[in-house]
């Protein structure tokens, strides 16, 4: 076989439609687009356009509320803390904070802080620093002789309260 004998398989290459090349071609004048209407014009049809009918995304009711200033805390249960202490991932004798929890694989990203929740049972005496904690979690940690230190709220919030009161 020689280079001049090579060819594609039948149907491997398709000739493009040559529109607007006279009435004899079958694709002359309107170029296969029919007569008038939005689809005959150049430019794409708007996404979501339903022929003048009120589109479904405008007919559906809008519900809910997204607080732009809301905090997204990582939640950690005391039962999971106890499991990590038992597994040796966390040393109960050393202080525990967000970095220690992250290193132990509790979460990948701290986001706005860590919130301690009271689900589960705690047996180890721990000293933990978190952004927030539920009453049940505080009671459970103090019951075994541990200590929970809550991080202070941002100064900005306190300044706004002072301005509001004045």
Protein backbone atom coordinates (compact mmCIF):
# COMPACT_ATOMS: atom_id res chain seq x y z
CA UNK A 1 0.00 0.00 0.00
CA UNK A 2 1.20 3.48 -0.87
CA UNK A 3 0.35 6.90 0.59
CA UNK A 4 -1.65 7.82 -2.51
CA UNK A 5 -3.84 4.76 -1.98
CA UNK A 6 -4.93 5.70 1.58
CA UNK A 7 -8.52 6.88 1.99
CA UNK A 8 -11.09 7.35 4.76
CA UNK A 9 -13.79 4.81 5.47
CA UNK A 10 -17.07 5.41 3.67
CA UNK A 11 -19.13 7.98 5.61
CA UNK A 12 -16.24 9.11 7.80
CA UNK A 13 -16.27 12.62 6.36
CA UNK A 14 -19.49 14.49 5.69
CA UNK A 15 -19.75 17.48 3.38
CA UNK A 16 -21.24 20.51 5.11
CA UNK A 17 -24.65 21.86 4.04
CA UNK A 18 -24.15 24.70 1.55
CA UNK A 19 -27.19 26.83 2.23
CA UNK A 20 -28.36 29.83 0.22
CA UNK A 21 -26.89 28.68 -3.09
CA UNK A 22 -29.95 28.91 -5.35
CA UNK A 23 -33.35 27.24 -5.53
CA UNK A 24 -32.01 24.22 -7.39
CA UNK A 25 -29.96 23.15 -4.35
CA UNK A 26 -33.05 22.66 -2.17
CA UNK A 27 -31.49 24.93 0.46
CA UNK A 28 -31.79 28.27 -1.32
CA UNK A 29 -33.71 31.43 -0.38
CA UNK A 30 -34.71 30.68 3.26
CA UNK A 31 -31.84 28.17 3.70
CA UNK A 32 -34.07 25.49 5.22
CA UNK A 33 -35.36 27.76 8.00
CA UNK A 34 -38.93 28.10 6.72
CA UNK A 35 -40.75 31.45 6.65
CA UNK A 36 -40.55 34.18 9.31
CA UNK A 37 -40.73 33.55 13.08
CA UNK A 38 -38.05 33.69 15.74
CA UNK A 39 -36.32 30.54 14.52
CA UNK A 40 -35.92 31.94 11.01
CA UNK A 41 -34.03 34.95 12.36
CA UNK A 42 -30.35 35.01 13.21
CA UNK A 43 -29.44 34.65 16.87
CA UNK A 44 -30.43 31.97 19.36
CA UNK A 45 -33.81 31.69 21.06
CA UNK A 46 -33.76 32.87 24.69
CA UNK A 47 -33.33 30.08 27.23
CA UNK A 48 -36.52 29.64 29.18
CA UNK A 49 -38.64 31.45 26.58
CA UNK A 50 -42.03 29.76 26.31
CA UNK A 51 -43.59 31.52 23.35
CA UNK A 52 -44.95 34.48 25.29
CA UNK A 53 -46.50 32.30 28.00
CA UNK A 54 -45.37 33.21 31.51
CA UNK A 55 -42.21 31.10 32.01
CA UNK A 56 -42.25 28.38 34.65
CA UNK A 57 -39.48 30.01 36.69
CA UNK A 58 -41.71 33.08 37.07
CA UNK A 59 -44.87 31.06 37.78
CA UNK A 60 -43.32 29.09 40.64
CA UNK A 61 -43.60 30.65 44.11
CA UNK A 62 -40.45 31.93 45.76
CA UNK A 63 -40.03 30.67 49.30
CA UNK A 64 -37.51 30.85 52.08
CA UNK A 65 -34.94 33.30 53.28
CA UNK A 66 -31.13 33.24 53.14
CA UNK A 67 -29.50 35.33 55.82
CA UNK A 68 -26.48 37.02 54.25
CA UNK A 69 -24.98 37.70 57.67
CA UNK A 70 -25.66 34.24 59.14
CA UNK A 71 -22.70 32.24 60.42
CA UNK A 72 -21.86 28.78 59.08
CA UNK A 73 -20.42 26.83 62.02
CA UNK A 74 -18.89 23.37 61.86
CA UNK A 75 -20.83 21.16 64.27
CA UNK A 76 -19.01 18.68 66.50
CA UNK A 77 -20.85 16.32 68.86
CA UNK A 78 -19.32 15.31 72.20
CA UNK A 79 -19.91 11.64 71.37
CA UNK A 80 -17.68 12.00 68.31
CA UNK A 81 -15.05 13.72 70.46
CA UNK A 82 -15.08 10.73 72.82
CA UNK A 83 -14.63 8.34 69.86
CA UNK A 84 -11.60 10.36 68.69
CA UNK A 85 -10.09 10.30 72.19
CA UNK A 86 -10.64 6.51 72.40
CA UNK A 87 -9.07 6.02 68.95
CA UNK A 88 -6.04 8.12 69.93
CA UNK A 89 -6.65 10.81 67.31
CA UNK A 90 -6.97 13.46 70.06
CA UNK A 91 -4.97 13.73 73.28
CA UNK A 92 -7.46 14.55 76.05
CA UNK A 93 -4.68 15.92 78.31
CA UNK A 94 -3.78 18.70 75.84
CA UNK A 95 -6.04 21.68 75.04
CA UNK A 96 -8.34 21.08 72.07
CA UNK A 97 -9.12 23.82 69.52
CA UNK A 98 -10.23 24.08 65.87
CA UNK A 99 -6.76 23.28 64.50
CA UNK A 100 -6.51 20.08 66.59
CA UNK A 101 -10.00 18.98 65.47
CA UNK A 102 -9.13 19.70 61.83
CA UNK A 103 -5.90 17.70 62.11
CA UNK A 104 -7.91 14.82 63.64
CA UNK A 105 -10.15 14.77 60.53
CA UNK A 106 -13.37 16.19 61.98
CA UNK A 107 -13.72 18.64 59.08
CA UNK A 108 -11.74 19.99 56.13
CA UNK A 109 -12.46 23.71 56.57
CA UNK A 110 -13.19 25.69 59.76
CA UNK A 111 -15.58 28.17 58.00
CA UNK A 112 -16.98 30.58 60.66
CA UNK A 113 -15.98 28.54 63.71
CA UNK A 114 -16.75 25.35 65.64
CA UNK A 115 -19.95 24.74 67.61
CA UNK A 116 -20.03 21.99 70.23
CA UNK A 117 -23.25 19.94 70.40
CA UNK A 118 -24.41 17.66 73.21
CA UNK A 119 -25.25 14.44 71.33
CA UNK A 120 -23.51 11.38 72.72
CA UNK A 121 -21.67 10.66 75.96
CA UNK A 122 -18.35 12.07 77.14
CA UNK A 123 -16.12 10.23 79.62
CA UNK A 124 -12.76 11.94 79.11
CA UNK A 125 -11.86 15.16 80.90
CA UNK A 126 -11.14 17.68 78.12
CA UNK A 127 -10.23 21.37 77.82
CA UNK A 128 -11.77 22.64 74.58
CA UNK A 129 -11.93 26.07 72.93
CA UNK A 130 -14.85 26.62 70.51
CA UNK A 131 -16.90 29.46 69.01
CA UNK A 132 -20.15 28.24 70.57
CA UNK A 133 -21.71 25.39 72.53
CA UNK A 134 -25.17 24.20 73.51
CA UNK A 135 -26.26 24.09 77.15
CA UNK A 136 -26.29 20.28 77.04
CA UNK A 137 -22.74 20.16 75.70
CA UNK A 138 -21.50 22.61 78.37
CA UNK A 139 -23.19 20.53 81.10
CA UNK A 140 -21.74 17.25 79.77
CA UNK A 141 -18.17 18.58 79.64
CA UNK A 142 -18.37 20.17 83.09
CA UNK A 143 -19.93 16.97 84.50
CA UNK A 144 -16.74 14.99 83.78
CA UNK A 145 -14.55 17.84 85.12
CA UNK A 146 -13.64 19.38 81.77
CA UNK A 147 -13.66 23.01 80.69
CA UNK A 148 -15.20 24.78 77.66
CA UNK A 149 -13.75 28.14 76.62
CA UNK A 150 -15.94 30.17 74.27
CA UNK A 151 -14.23 32.50 71.81
CA UNK A 152 -15.29 36.16 72.04
CA UNK A 153 -17.77 37.54 69.50
CA UNK A 154 -16.30 39.83 66.82
CA UNK A 155 -15.72 43.42 67.96
CA UNK A 156 -17.79 44.77 65.05
CA UNK A 157 -21.03 43.42 66.54
CA UNK A 158 -20.32 45.07 69.90
CA UNK A 159 -19.56 48.42 68.24
CA UNK A 160 -22.89 48.31 66.34
CA UNK A 161 -24.77 47.69 69.61
CA UNK A 162 -23.07 50.71 71.23
CA UNK A 163 -23.99 52.95 68.29
CA UNK A 164 -27.58 51.69 68.39
CA UNK A 165 -27.92 52.38 72.13
CA UNK A 166 -26.41 55.89 71.88
